[in-house]
PDB file of N, CA and C in Angstrom:
ATOM      1  N   MET A   1       2.261 -24.009   2.669  1.00  0.00           N
ATOM      2  CA  MET A   1       2.758 -24.430   3.963  1.00  0.00           C
ATOM      3  C   MET A   1       2.369 -25.887   4.175  1.00  0.00           C
ATOM      4  N   THR A   2       3.294 -26.662   4.651  1.00  0.00           N
ATOM      5  CA  THR A   2       3.025 -28.058   4.961  1.00  0.00           C
ATOM      6  C   THR A   2       2.746 -28.209   6.455  1.00  0.00           C
ATOM      7  N   ALA A   3       2.172 -29.352   6.812  1.00  0.00           N
ATOM      8  CA  ALA A   3       1.917 -29.622   8.227  1.00  0.00           C
ATOM      9  C   ALA A   3       3.234 -29.639   8.999  1.00  0.00           C
ATOM     10  N   ARG A   4       4.235 -30.238   8.421  1.00  0.00           N
ATOM     11  CA  ARG A   4       5.544 -30.312   9.088  1.00  0.00           C
ATOM     12  C   ARG A   4       6.108 -28.919   9.339  1.00  0.00           C
ATOM     13  N   PHE A   5       6.003 -28.046   8.333  1.00  0.00           N
ATOM     14  CA  PHE A   5       6.522 -26.687   8.484  1.00  0.00           C
ATOM     15  C   PHE A   5       5.749 -25.924   9.556  1.00  0.00           C
ATOM     16  N   ALA A   6       4.427 -26.063   9.565  1.00  0.00           N
ATOM     17  CA  ALA A   6       3.609 -25.376  10.576  1.00  0.00           C
ATOM     18  C   ALA A   6       3.980 -25.850  11.971  1.00  0.00           C
ATOM     19  N   LEU A   7       4.136 -27.156  12.138  1.00  0.00           N
ATOM     20  CA  LEU A   7       4.514 -27.703  13.442  1.00  0.00           C
ATOM     21  C   LEU A   7       5.920 -27.242  13.842  1.00  0.00           C
ATOM     22  N   LEU A   8       6.832 -27.233  12.897  1.00  0.00           N
ATOM     23  CA  LEU A   8       8.199 -26.793  13.177  1.00  0.00           C
ATOM     24  C   LEU A   8       8.233 -25.303  13.525  1.00  0.00           C
ATOM     25  N   ALA A   9       7.556 -24.481  12.717  1.00  0.00           N
ATOM     26  CA  ALA A   9       7.537 -23.032  12.970  1.00  0.00           C
ATOM     27  C   ALA A   9       6.882 -22.724  14.311  1.00  0.00           C
ATOM     28  N   GLY A  10       5.765 -23.377  14.607  1.00  0.00           N
ATOM     29  CA  GLY A  10       5.097 -23.170  15.887  1.00  0.00           C
ATOM     30  C   GLY A  10       5.973 -23.581  17.053  1.00  0.00           C
ATOM     31  N   SER A  11       6.656 -24.703  16.916  1.00  0.00           N
ATOM     32  CA  SER A  11       7.549 -25.176  17.974  1.00  0.00           C
ATOM     33  C   SER A  11       8.706 -24.213  18.198  1.00  0.00           C
ATOM     34  N   LEU A  12       9.295 -23.728  17.104  1.00  0.00           N
ATOM     35  CA  LEU A  12      10.425 -22.801  17.228  1.00  0.00           C
ATOM     36  C   LEU A  12       9.988 -21.451  17.800  1.00  0.00           C
ATOM     37  N   LEU A  13       8.826 -20.966  17.374  1.00  0.00           N
ATOM     38  CA  LEU A  13       8.313 -19.716  17.949  1.00  0.00           C
ATOM     39  C   LEU A  13       8.039 -19.876  19.442  1.00  0.00           C
ATOM     40  N   GLY A  14       7.535 -21.047  19.829  1.00  0.00           N
ATOM     41  CA  GLY A  14       7.288 -21.312  21.243  1.00  0.00           C
ATOM     42  C   GLY A  14       8.589 -21.335  22.037  1.00  0.00           C
ATOM     43  N   ALA A  15       9.589 -22.032  21.521  1.00  0.00           N
ATOM     44  CA  ALA A  15      10.886 -22.097  22.201  1.00  0.00           C
ATOM     45  C   ALA A  15      11.514 -20.711  22.307  1.00  0.00           C
ATOM     46  N   LEU A  16      11.438 -19.952  21.225  1.00  0.00           N
ATOM     47  CA  LEU A  16      11.976 -18.592  21.237  1.00  0.00           C
ATOM     48  C   LEU A  16      11.218 -17.716  22.231  1.00  0.00           C
ATOM     49  N   GLY A  17       9.916 -17.931  22.336  1.00  0.00           N
ATOM     50  CA  GLY A  17       9.113 -17.183  23.293  1.00  0.00           C
ATOM     51  C   GLY A  17       9.537 -17.457  24.730  1.00  0.00           C
ATOM     52  N   VAL A  18       9.820 -18.720  25.038  1.00  0.00           N
ATOM     53  CA  VAL A  18      10.292 -19.063  26.377  1.00  0.00           C
ATOM     54  C   VAL A  18      11.632 -18.375  26.642  1.00  0.00           C
ATOM     55  N   GLY A  19      12.533 -18.456  25.665  1.00  0.00           N
ATOM     56  CA  GLY A  19      13.847 -17.836  25.821  1.00  0.00           C
ATOM     57  C   GLY A  19      13.769 -16.334  25.987  1.00  0.00           C
ATOM     58  N   LEU A  20      12.997 -15.685  25.128  1.00  0.00           N
ATOM     59  CA  LEU A  20      12.858 -14.231  25.225  1.00  0.00           C
ATOM     60  C   LEU A  20      12.148 -13.817  26.505  1.00  0.00           C
ATOM     61  N   GLY A  21      11.125 -14.577  26.883  1.00  0.00           N
ATOM     62  CA  GLY A  21      10.414 -14.268  28.123  1.00  0.00           C
ATOM     63  C   GLY A  21      11.329 -14.350  29.330  1.00  0.00           C
ATOM     64  N   ALA A  22      12.131 -15.401  29.388  1.00  0.00           N
ATOM     65  CA  ALA A  22      13.070 -15.564  30.509  1.00  0.00           C
ATOM     66  C   ALA A  22      14.146 -14.477  30.468  1.00  0.00           C
ATOM     67  N   PHE A  23      14.657 -14.201  29.283  1.00  0.00           N
ATOM     68  CA  PHE A  23      15.682 -13.169  29.125  1.00  0.00           C
ATOM     69  C   PHE A  23      15.133 -11.812  29.559  1.00  0.00           C
ATOM     70  N   GLY A  24      13.904 -11.520  29.161  1.00  0.00           N
ATOM     71  CA  GLY A  24      13.276 -10.254  29.542  1.00  0.00           C
ATOM     72  C   GLY A  24      13.002 -10.160  31.029  1.00  0.00           C
ATOM     73  N   ALA A  25      12.579 -11.275  31.623  1.00  0.00           N
ATOM     74  CA  ALA A  25      12.246 -11.271  33.048  1.00  0.00           C
ATOM     75  C   ALA A  25      13.476 -11.158  33.930  1.00  0.00           C
ATOM     76  N   HIS A  26      14.612 -11.592  33.439  1.00  0.00           N
ATOM     77  CA  HIS A  26      15.807 -11.611  34.272  1.00  0.00           C
ATOM     78  C   HIS A  26      16.854 -10.603  33.788  1.00  0.00           C
ATOM     79  N   ALA A  27      17.432 -10.851  32.632  1.00  0.00           N
ATOM     80  CA  ALA A  27      18.556 -10.030  32.160  1.00  0.00           C
ATOM     81  C   ALA A  27      18.132  -8.625  31.740  1.00  0.00           C
ATOM     82  N   LEU A  28      16.929  -8.502  31.207  1.00  0.00           N
ATOM     83  CA  LEU A  28      16.499  -7.199  30.677  1.00  0.00           C
ATOM     84  C   LEU A  28      15.535  -6.447  31.581  1.00  0.00           C
ATOM     85  N   ARG A  29      15.127  -7.053  32.663  1.00  0.00           N
ATOM     86  CA  ARG A  29      14.072  -6.460  33.499  1.00  0.00           C
ATOM     87  C   ARG A  29      14.362  -5.016  33.889  1.00  0.00           C
ATOM     88  N   SER A  30      15.560  -4.741  34.379  1.00  0.00           N
ATOM     89  CA  SER A  30      15.863  -3.372  34.825  1.00  0.00           C
ATOM     90  C   SER A  30      15.850  -2.400  33.650  1.00  0.00           C
ATOM     91  N   MET A  31      16.351  -2.826  32.489  1.00  0.00           N
ATOM     92  CA  MET A  31      16.338  -1.955  31.310  1.00  0.00           C
ATOM     93  C   MET A  31      14.901  -1.705  30.841  1.00  0.00           C
ATOM     94  N   LEU A  32      14.090  -2.757  30.837  1.00  0.00           N
ATOM     95  CA  LEU A  32      12.701  -2.610  30.402  1.00  0.00           C
ATOM     96  C   LEU A  32      11.902  -1.745  31.374  1.00  0.00           C
ATOM     97  N   LEU A  33      12.183  -1.881  32.659  1.00  0.00           N
ATOM     98  CA  LEU A  33      11.512  -1.032  33.651  1.00  0.00           C
ATOM     99  C   LEU A  33      11.967   0.422  33.515  1.00  0.00           C
ATOM    100  N   ALA A  34      13.259   0.619  33.314  1.00  0.00           N
ATOM    101  CA  ALA A  34      13.803   1.979  33.204  1.00  0.00           C
ATOM    102  C   ALA A  34      13.264   2.712  31.979  1.00  0.00           C
ATOM    103  N   THR A  35      13.022   1.972  30.912  1.00  0.00           N
ATOM    104  CA  THR A  35      12.514   2.600  29.685  1.00  0.00           C
ATOM    105  C   THR A  35      10.994   2.526  29.589  1.00  0.00           C
ATOM    106  N   ASN A  36      10.360   1.980  30.638  1.00  0.00           N
ATOM    107  CA  ASN A  36       8.908   1.847  30.680  1.00  0.00           C
ATOM    108  C   ASN A  36       8.373   1.023  29.503  1.00  0.00           C
ATOM    109  N   ARG A  37       9.093  -0.042  29.168  1.00  0.00           N
ATOM    110  CA  ARG A  37       8.710  -0.883  28.040  1.00  0.00           C
ATOM    111  C   ARG A  37       8.384  -2.329  28.442  1.00  0.00           C
ATOM    112  N   ILE A  38       8.271  -2.583  29.716  1.00  0.00           N
ATOM    113  CA  ILE A  38       8.019  -3.963  30.156  1.00  0.00           C
ATOM    114  C   ILE A  38       6.669  -4.471  29.659  1.00  0.00           C
ATOM    115  N   ASP A  39       5.660  -3.608  29.643  1.00  0.00           N
ATOM    116  CA  ASP A  39       4.343  -4.026  29.136  1.00  0.00           C
ATOM    117  C   ASP A  39       4.413  -4.353  27.646  1.00  0.00           C
ATOM    118  N   THR A  40       5.163  -3.572  26.902  1.00  0.00           N
ATOM    119  CA  THR A  40       5.327  -3.812  25.463  1.00  0.00           C
ATOM    120  C   THR A  40       6.001  -5.153  25.238  1.00  0.00           C
ATOM    121  N   PHE A  41       7.052  -5.425  25.997  1.00  0.00           N
ATOM    122  CA  PHE A  41       7.785  -6.679  25.865  1.00  0.00           C
ATOM    123  C   PHE A  41       6.886  -7.864  26.221  1.00  0.00           C
ATOM    124  N   GLU A  42       6.137  -7.739  27.304  1.00  0.00           N
ATOM    125  CA  GLU A  42       5.240  -8.819  27.715  1.00  0.00           C
ATOM    126  C   GLU A  42       4.147  -9.072  26.675  1.00  0.00           C
ATOM    127  N   THR A  43       3.659  -8.014  26.044  1.00  0.00           N
ATOM    128  CA  THR A  43       2.664  -8.170  24.982  1.00  0.00           C
ATOM    129  C   THR A  43       3.262  -8.932  23.808  1.00  0.00           C
ATOM    130  N   ALA A  44       4.482  -8.593  23.429  1.00  0.00           N
ATOM    131  CA  ALA A  44       5.150  -9.279  22.316  1.00  0.00           C
ATOM    132  C   ALA A  44       5.306 -10.768  22.609  1.00  0.00           C
ATOM    133  N   VAL A  45       5.756 -11.097  23.818  1.00  0.00           N
ATOM    134  CA  VAL A  45       5.956 -12.503  24.188  1.00  0.00           C
ATOM    135  C   VAL A  45       4.614 -13.236  24.230  1.00  0.00           C
ATOM    136  N   LYS A  46       3.616 -12.599  24.813  1.00  0.00           N
ATOM    137  CA  LYS A  46       2.289 -13.216  24.944  1.00  0.00           C
ATOM    138  C   LYS A  46       1.697 -13.551  23.565  1.00  0.00           C
ATOM    139  N   TYR A  47       1.716 -12.577  22.661  1.00  0.00           N
ATOM    140  CA  TYR A  47       1.150 -12.821  21.333  1.00  0.00           C
ATOM    141  C   TYR A  47       1.971 -13.843  20.553  1.00  0.00           C
ATOM    142  N   GLN A  48       3.275 -13.850  20.778  1.00  0.00           N
ATOM    143  CA  GLN A  48       4.111 -14.857  20.129  1.00  0.00           C
ATOM    144  C   GLN A  48       3.698 -16.251  20.589  1.00  0.00           C
ATOM    145  N   PHE A  49       3.472 -16.419  21.883  1.00  0.00           N
ATOM    146  CA  PHE A  49       3.046 -17.717  22.403  1.00  0.00           C
ATOM    147  C   PHE A  49       1.685 -18.126  21.861  1.00  0.00           C
ATOM    148  N   TYR A  50       0.724 -17.207  21.894  1.00  0.00           N
ATOM    149  CA  TYR A  50      -0.612 -17.550  21.391  1.00  0.00           C
ATOM    150  C   TYR A  50      -0.529 -18.086  19.971  1.00  0.00           C
ATOM    151  N   HIS A  51       0.263 -17.414  19.160  1.00  0.00           N
ATOM    152  CA  HIS A  51       0.276 -17.764  17.748  1.00  0.00           C
ATOM    153  C   HIS A  51       1.246 -18.893  17.431  1.00  0.00           C
ATOM    154  N   ALA A  52       2.181 -19.167  18.327  1.00  0.00           N
ATOM    155  CA  ALA A  52       2.968 -20.396  18.213  1.00  0.00           C
ATOM    156  C   ALA A  52       2.028 -21.586  18.386  1.00  0.00           C
ATOM    157  N   LEU A  53       1.158 -21.498  19.388  1.00  0.00           N
ATOM    158  CA  LEU A  53       0.177 -22.564  19.611  1.00  0.00           C
ATOM    159  C   LEU A  53      -0.809 -22.661  18.449  1.00  0.00           C
ATOM    160  N   ALA A  54      -1.194 -21.522  17.890  1.00  0.00           N
ATOM    161  CA  ALA A  54      -2.101 -21.529  16.737  1.00  0.00           C
ATOM    162  C   ALA A  54      -1.444 -22.239  15.555  1.00  0.00           C
ATOM    163  N   LEU A  55      -0.161 -22.002  15.337  1.00  0.00           N
ATOM    164  CA  LEU A  55       0.548 -22.674  14.248  1.00  0.00           C
ATOM    165  C   LEU A  55       0.626 -24.178  14.477  1.00  0.00           C
ATOM    166  N   VAL A  56       0.866 -24.590  15.710  1.00  0.00           N
ATOM    167  CA  VAL A  56       0.872 -26.020  16.023  1.00  0.00           C
ATOM    168  C   VAL A  56      -0.514 -26.608  15.736  1.00  0.00           C
ATOM    169  N   ALA A  57      -1.554 -25.897  16.123  1.00  0.00           N
ATOM    170  CA  ALA A  57      -2.921 -26.361  15.844  1.00  0.00           C
ATOM    171  C   ALA A  57      -3.156 -26.482  14.345  1.00  0.00           C
ATOM    172  N   VAL A  58      -2.685 -25.520  13.580  1.00  0.00           N
ATOM    173  CA  VAL A  58      -2.842 -25.583  12.118  1.00  0.00           C
ATOM    174  C   VAL A  58      -2.122 -26.816  11.575  1.00  0.00           C
ATOM    175  N   GLY A  59      -0.916 -27.078  12.079  1.00  0.00           N
ATOM    176  CA  GLY A  59      -0.187 -28.267  11.631  1.00  0.00           C
ATOM    177  C   GLY A  59      -0.943 -29.548  11.923  1.00  0.00           C
ATOM    178  N   ILE A  60      -1.544 -29.627  13.097  1.00  0.00           N
ATOM    179  CA  ILE A  60      -2.335 -30.806  13.458  1.00  0.00           C
ATOM    180  C   ILE A  60      -3.578 -30.910  12.577  1.00  0.00           C
ATOM    181  N   LEU A  61      -4.240 -29.785  12.349  1.00  0.00           N
ATOM    182  CA  LEU A  61      -5.419 -29.787  11.474  1.00  0.00           C
ATOM    183  C   LEU A  61      -5.048 -30.207  10.058  1.00  0.00           C
ATOM    184  N   MET A  62      -3.884 -29.787   9.582  1.00  0.00           N
ATOM    185  CA  MET A  62      -3.434 -30.185   8.240  1.00  0.00           C
ATOM    186  C   MET A  62      -3.271 -31.695   8.144  1.00  0.00           C
ATOM    187  N   GLN A  63      -2.805 -32.310   9.222  1.00  0.00           N
ATOM    188  CA  GLN A  63      -2.629 -33.759   9.229  1.00  0.00           C
ATOM    189  C   GLN A  63      -3.971 -34.482   9.346  1.00  0.00           C
ATOM    190  N   GLN A  64      -4.866 -33.948  10.140  1.00  0.00           N
ATOM    191  CA  GLN A  64      -6.150 -34.604  10.389  1.00  0.00           C
ATOM    192  C   GLN A  64      -7.168 -34.387   9.267  1.00  0.00           C
ATOM    193  N   PHE A  65      -7.100 -33.238   8.629  1.00  0.00           N
ATOM    194  CA  PHE A  65      -8.065 -32.893   7.579  1.00  0.00           C
ATOM    195  C   PHE A  65      -7.314 -32.370   6.351  1.00  0.00           C
ATOM    196  N   PRO A  66      -6.586 -33.238   5.661  1.00  0.00           N
ATOM    197  CA  PRO A  66      -5.747 -32.790   4.540  1.00  0.00           C
ATOM    198  C   PRO A  66      -6.540 -32.271   3.338  1.00  0.00           C
ATOM    199  N   GLU A  67      -7.830 -32.550   3.300  1.00  0.00           N
ATOM    200  CA  GLU A  67      -8.641 -32.090   2.178  1.00  0.00           C
ATOM    201  C   GLU A  67      -8.936 -30.588   2.242  1.00  0.00           C
ATOM    202  N   LYS A  68      -8.692 -29.974   3.387  1.00  0.00           N
ATOM    203  CA  LYS A  68      -8.946 -28.534   3.540  1.00  0.00           C
ATOM    204  C   LYS A  68      -7.654 -27.760   3.348  1.00  0.00           C
ATOM    205  N   ASN A  69      -7.809 -26.486   2.999  1.00  0.00           N
ATOM    206  CA  ASN A  69      -6.641 -25.629   2.765  1.00  0.00           C
ATOM    207  C   ASN A  69      -6.382 -24.769   3.996  1.00  0.00           C
ATOM    208  N   TRP A  70      -5.479 -25.226   4.842  1.00  0.00           N
ATOM    209  CA  TRP A  70      -5.139 -24.540   6.085  1.00  0.00           C
ATOM    210  C   TRP A  70      -3.964 -23.591   5.908  1.00  0.00           C
ATOM    211  N   SER A  71      -3.311 -23.638   4.757  1.00  0.00           N
ATOM    212  CA  SER A  71      -2.066 -22.888   4.548  1.00  0.00           C
ATOM    213  C   SER A  71      -2.192 -21.389   4.759  1.00  0.00           C
ATOM    214  N   ALA A  72      -3.240 -20.802   4.234  1.00  0.00           N
ATOM    215  CA  ALA A  72      -3.376 -19.344   4.349  1.00  0.00           C
ATOM    216  C   ALA A  72      -3.441 -18.916   5.809  1.00  0.00           C
ATOM    217  N   ALA A  73      -4.151 -19.673   6.634  1.00  0.00           N
ATOM    218  CA  ALA A  73      -4.223 -19.356   8.057  1.00  0.00           C
ATOM    219  C   ALA A  73      -2.842 -19.494   8.690  1.00  0.00           C
ATOM    220  N   GLY A  74      -2.139 -20.565   8.350  1.00  0.00           N
ATOM    221  CA  GLY A  74      -0.802 -20.779   8.895  1.00  0.00           C
ATOM    222  C   GLY A  74       0.169 -19.673   8.523  1.00  0.00           C
ATOM    223  N   TRP A  75       0.174 -19.295   7.254  1.00  0.00           N
ATOM    224  CA  TRP A  75       1.067 -18.214   6.818  1.00  0.00           C
ATOM    225  C   TRP A  75       0.704 -16.892   7.487  1.00  0.00           C
ATOM    226  N   SER A  76      -0.594 -16.638   7.645  1.00  0.00           N
ATOM    227  CA  SER A  76      -1.020 -15.399   8.307  1.00  0.00           C
ATOM    228  C   SER A  76      -0.551 -15.369   9.756  1.00  0.00           C
ATOM    229  N   PHE A  77      -0.651 -16.502  10.442  1.00  0.00           N
ATOM    230  CA  PHE A  77      -0.168 -16.566  11.822  1.00  0.00           C
ATOM    231  C   PHE A  77       1.343 -16.346  11.890  1.00  0.00           C
ATOM    232  N   LEU A  78       2.078 -16.980  10.987  1.00  0.00           N
ATOM    233  CA  LEU A  78       3.536 -16.858  11.019  1.00  0.00           C
ATOM    234  C   LEU A  78       3.993 -15.443  10.683  1.00  0.00           C
ATOM    235  N   VAL A  79       3.516 -14.917   9.574  1.00  0.00           N
ATOM    236  CA  VAL A  79       3.918 -13.568   9.153  1.00  0.00           C
ATOM    237  C   VAL A  79       3.426 -12.531  10.156  1.00  0.00           C
ATOM    238  N   GLY A  80       2.196 -12.686  10.618  1.00  0.00           N
ATOM    239  CA  GLY A  80       1.654 -11.752  11.594  1.00  0.00           C
ATOM    240  C   GLY A  80       2.454 -11.730  12.883  1.00  0.00           C
ATOM    241  N   THR A  81       2.865 -12.903  13.352  1.00  0.00           N
ATOM    242  CA  THR A  81       3.669 -12.975  14.571  1.00  0.00           C
ATOM    243  C   THR A  81       5.019 -12.305  14.377  1.00  0.00           C
ATOM    244  N   LEU A  82       5.653 -12.597  13.246  1.00  0.00           N
ATOM    245  CA  LEU A  82       6.961 -11.990  12.985  1.00  0.00           C
ATOM    246  C   LEU A  82       6.868 -10.468  12.934  1.00  0.00           C
ATOM    247  N   ILE A  83       5.817  -9.953  12.308  1.00  0.00           N
ATOM    248  CA  ILE A  83       5.675  -8.498  12.195  1.00  0.00           C
ATOM    249  C   ILE A  83       5.206  -7.896  13.518  1.00  0.00           C
ATOM    250  N   PHE A  84       4.161  -8.459  14.110  1.00  0.00           N
ATOM    251  CA  PHE A  84       3.595  -7.893  15.329  1.00  0.00           C
ATOM    252  C   PHE A  84       4.592  -7.964  16.487  1.00  0.00           C
ATOM    253  N   SER A  85       4.962  -9.174  16.868  1.00  0.00           N
ATOM    254  CA  SER A  85       5.883  -9.322  18.000  1.00  0.00           C
ATOM    255  C   SER A  85       7.260  -8.768  17.654  1.00  0.00           C
ATOM    256  N   GLY A  86       7.695  -9.009  16.429  1.00  0.00           N
ATOM    257  CA  GLY A  86       9.010  -8.515  16.020  1.00  0.00           C
ATOM    258  C   GLY A  86       9.134  -7.011  16.124  1.00  0.00           C
ATOM    259  N   SER A  87       8.115  -6.290  15.696  1.00  0.00           N
ATOM    260  CA  SER A  87       8.180  -4.825  15.776  1.00  0.00           C
ATOM    261  C   SER A  87       8.168  -4.352  17.229  1.00  0.00           C
ATOM    262  N   LEU A  88       7.426  -5.051  18.091  1.00  0.00           N
ATOM    263  CA  LEU A  88       7.424  -4.683  19.509  1.00  0.00           C
ATOM    264  C   LEU A  88       8.780  -4.966  20.150  1.00  0.00           C
ATOM    265  N   TYR A  89       9.407  -6.081  19.792  1.00  0.00           N
ATOM    266  CA  TYR A  89      10.756  -6.370  20.297  1.00  0.00           C
ATOM    267  C   TYR A  89      11.740  -5.289  19.837  1.00  0.00           C
ATOM    268  N   LEU A  90      11.614  -4.887  18.585  1.00  0.00           N
ATOM    269  CA  LEU A  90      12.508  -3.844  18.067  1.00  0.00           C
ATOM    270  C   LEU A  90      12.342  -2.534  18.840  1.00  0.00           C
ATOM    271  N   ILE A  91      11.117  -2.185  19.162  1.00  0.00           N
ATOM    272  CA  ILE A  91      10.882  -0.976  19.955  1.00  0.00           C
ATOM    273  C   ILE A  91      11.563  -1.118  21.318  1.00  0.00           C
ATOM    274  N   CYS A  92      11.403  -2.272  21.938  1.00  0.00           N
ATOM    275  CA  CYS A  92      11.997  -2.497  23.271  1.00  0.00           C
ATOM    276  C   CYS A  92      13.517  -2.449  23.235  1.00  0.00           C
ATOM    277  N   PHE A  93      14.111  -3.070  22.232  1.00  0.00           N
ATOM    278  CA  PHE A  93      15.570  -3.185  22.188  1.00  0.00           C
ATOM    279  C   PHE A  93      16.270  -1.960  21.635  1.00  0.00           C
ATOM    280  N   THR A  94      15.584  -1.220  20.762  1.00  0.00           N
ATOM    281  CA  THR A  94      16.244  -0.068  20.130  1.00  0.00           C
ATOM    282  C   THR A  94      15.734   1.268  20.644  1.00  0.00           C
ATOM    283  N   GLY A  95      14.514   1.291  21.169  1.00  0.00           N
ATOM    284  CA  GLY A  95      13.907   2.549  21.588  1.00  0.00           C
ATOM    285  C   GLY A  95      13.362   3.362  20.424  1.00  0.00           C
ATOM    286  N   ILE A  96      13.438   2.820  19.218  1.00  0.00           N
ATOM    287  CA  ILE A  96      12.947   3.520  18.028  1.00  0.00           C
ATOM    288  C   ILE A  96      11.447   3.260  17.889  1.00  0.00           C
ATOM    289  N   LYS A  97      10.671   4.270  18.197  1.00  0.00           N
ATOM    290  CA  LYS A  97       9.216   4.118  18.250  1.00  0.00           C
ATOM    291  C   LYS A  97       8.565   3.981  16.873  1.00  0.00           C
ATOM    292  N   VAL A  98       9.273   4.359  15.811  1.00  0.00           N
ATOM    293  CA  VAL A  98       8.689   4.297  14.471  1.00  0.00           C
ATOM    294  C   VAL A  98       8.356   2.854  14.079  1.00  0.00           C
ATOM    295  N   PHE A  99       8.993   1.868  14.719  1.00  0.00           N
ATOM    296  CA  PHE A  99       8.648   0.471  14.437  1.00  0.00           C
ATOM    297  C   PHE A  99       7.199   0.182  14.816  1.00  0.00           C
ATOM    298  N   GLY A 100       6.630   0.994  15.691  1.00  0.00           N
ATOM    299  CA  GLY A 100       5.233   0.848  16.066  1.00  0.00           C
ATOM    300  C   GLY A 100       4.283   1.064  14.906  1.00  0.00           C
ATOM    301  N   ALA A 101       4.757   1.728  13.856  1.00  0.00           N
ATOM    302  CA  ALA A 101       3.910   1.966  12.687  1.00  0.00           C
ATOM    303  C   ALA A 101       3.596   0.684  11.923  1.00  0.00           C
ATOM    304  N   ILE A 102       4.459  -0.330  12.044  1.00  0.00           N
ATOM    305  CA  ILE A 102       4.193  -1.578  11.326  1.00  0.00           C
ATOM    306  C   ILE A 102       3.500  -2.627  12.201  1.00  0.00           C
ATOM    307  N   THR A 103       3.437  -2.379  13.490  1.00  0.00           N
ATOM    308  CA  THR A 103       2.795  -3.339  14.398  1.00  0.00           C
ATOM    309  C   THR A 103       1.356  -3.653  13.978  1.00  0.00           C
ATOM    310  N   PRO A 104       0.548  -2.656  13.604  1.00  0.00           N
ATOM    311  CA  PRO A 104      -0.834  -2.977  13.198  1.00  0.00           C
ATOM    312  C   PRO A 104      -0.917  -3.882  11.972  1.00  0.00           C
ATOM    313  N   ILE A 105       0.081  -3.833  11.101  1.00  0.00           N
ATOM    314  CA  ILE A 105       0.084  -4.731   9.934  1.00  0.00           C
ATOM    315  C   ILE A 105       0.146  -6.176  10.417  1.00  0.00           C
ATOM    316  N   GLY A 106       1.007  -6.413  11.417  1.00  0.00           N
ATOM    317  CA  GLY A 106       1.076  -7.748  12.002  1.00  0.00           C
ATOM    318  C   GLY A 106      -0.222  -8.132  12.677  1.00  0.00           C
ATOM    319  N   GLY A 107      -0.836  -7.177  13.360  1.00  0.00           N
ATOM    320  CA  GLY A 107      -2.116  -7.441  14.012  1.00  0.00           C
ATOM    321  C   GLY A 107      -3.207  -7.812  13.019  1.00  0.00           C
ATOM    322  N   VAL A 108      -3.239  -7.126  11.885  1.00  0.00           N
ATOM    323  CA  VAL A 108      -4.224  -7.446  10.843  1.00  0.00           C
ATOM    324  C   VAL A 108      -3.971  -8.845  10.294  1.00  0.00           C
ATOM    325  N   ALA A 109      -2.700  -9.207  10.121  1.00  0.00           N
ATOM    326  CA  ALA A 109      -2.372 -10.552   9.637  1.00  0.00           C
ATOM    327  C   ALA A 109      -2.809 -11.615  10.651  1.00  0.00           C
ATOM    328  N   LEU A 110      -2.652 -11.333  11.932  1.00  0.00           N
ATOM    329  CA  LEU A 110      -3.090 -12.282  12.957  1.00  0.00           C
ATOM    330  C   LEU A 110      -4.611 -12.446  12.941  1.00  0.00           C
ATOM    331  N   ILE A 111      -5.316 -11.335  12.826  1.00  0.00           N
ATOM    332  CA  ILE A 111      -6.793 -11.393  12.728  1.00  0.00           C
ATOM    333  C   ILE A 111      -7.192 -12.181  11.495  1.00  0.00           C
ATOM    334  N   ALA A 112      -6.517 -11.917  10.374  1.00  0.00           N
ATOM    335  CA  ALA A 112      -6.808 -12.649   9.133  1.00  0.00           C
ATOM    336  C   ALA A 112      -6.589 -14.145   9.325  1.00  0.00           C
ATOM    337  N   GLY A 113      -5.536 -14.507  10.053  1.00  0.00           N
ATOM    338  CA  GLY A 113      -5.273 -15.918  10.311  1.00  0.00           C
ATOM    339  C   GLY A 113      -6.421 -16.583  11.048  1.00  0.00           C
ATOM    340  N   TRP A 114      -6.938 -15.910  12.056  1.00  0.00           N
ATOM    341  CA  TRP A 114      -8.069 -16.477  12.806  1.00  0.00           C
ATOM    342  C   TRP A 114      -9.317 -16.574  11.934  1.00  0.00           C
ATOM    343  N   LEU A 115      -9.553 -15.548  11.097  1.00  0.00           N
ATOM    344  CA  LEU A 115     -10.716 -15.591  10.211  1.00  0.00           C
ATOM    345  C   LEU A 115     -10.567 -16.676   9.145  1.00  0.00           C
ATOM    346  N   LEU A 116      -9.357 -16.845   8.625  1.00  0.00           N
ATOM    347  CA  LEU A 116      -9.111 -17.907   7.642  1.00  0.00           C
ATOM    348  C   LEU A 116      -9.265 -19.282   8.283  1.00  0.00           C
ATOM    349  N   LEU A 117      -8.844 -19.407   9.511  1.00  0.00           N
ATOM    350  CA  LEU A 117      -9.017 -20.655  10.242  1.00  0.00           C
ATOM    351  C   LEU A 117     -10.520 -20.951  10.423  1.00  0.00           C
ATOM    352  N   ALA A 118     -11.266 -19.925  10.831  1.00  0.00           N
ATOM    353  CA  ALA A 118     -12.713 -20.080  10.993  1.00  0.00           C
ATOM    354  C   ALA A 118     -13.384 -20.474   9.670  1.00  0.00           C
ATOM    355  N   TRP A 119     -12.927 -19.867   8.598  1.00  0.00           N
ATOM    356  CA  TRP A 119     -13.479 -20.157   7.278  1.00  0.00           C
ATOM    357  C   TRP A 119     -13.300 -21.634   6.918  1.00  0.00           C
ATOM    358  N   GLN A 120     -12.104 -22.149   7.136  1.00  0.00           N
ATOM    359  CA  GLN A 120     -11.844 -23.559   6.818  1.00  0.00           C
ATOM    360  C   GLN A 120     -12.629 -24.495   7.729  1.00  0.00           C
ATOM    361  N   VAL A 121     -12.749 -24.142   8.995  1.00  0.00           N
ATOM    362  CA  VAL A 121     -13.515 -24.973   9.914  1.00  0.00           C
ATOM    363  C   VAL A 121     -14.992 -25.021   9.501  1.00  0.00           C
ATOM    364  N   SER A 122     -15.504 -23.906   9.044  1.00  0.00           N
ATOM    365  CA  SER A 122     -16.936 -23.824   8.707  1.00  0.00           C
ATOM    366  C   SER A 122     -17.280 -24.503   7.383  1.00  0.00           C
ATOM    367  N   ARG A 123     -16.297 -24.771   6.557  1.00  0.00           N
ATOM    368  CA  ARG A 123     -16.560 -25.364   5.247  1.00  0.00           C
ATOM    369  C   ARG A 123     -16.766 -26.864   5.313  1.00  0.00           C
TER     370      ARG A 123
END
């Protein structure tokens, strides 16, 4: 992963988070309330935002400290966000609860990203 890619991916995830959050709050609100999935949707958007910012931070760290290997943390944040938030969005939009079985995989990837980030900072 390059600094440019991390910054681009973080920026796009952030923009998508704003769009999905607004869409959920307005166009989908009644559907999400009726299916009792508004909390799930809000969790997906929230974690997407946190990790969009984490990716931007990784991109900045890559530029400021190029001697360190930030890529693993960046990839973990990106893949983890896609799996974690993506599976929650799928549950909200399709009602298929089996997608919840892969959500923890995304969560583990997100945790790994934070631990990998800590590892590089401590070195």
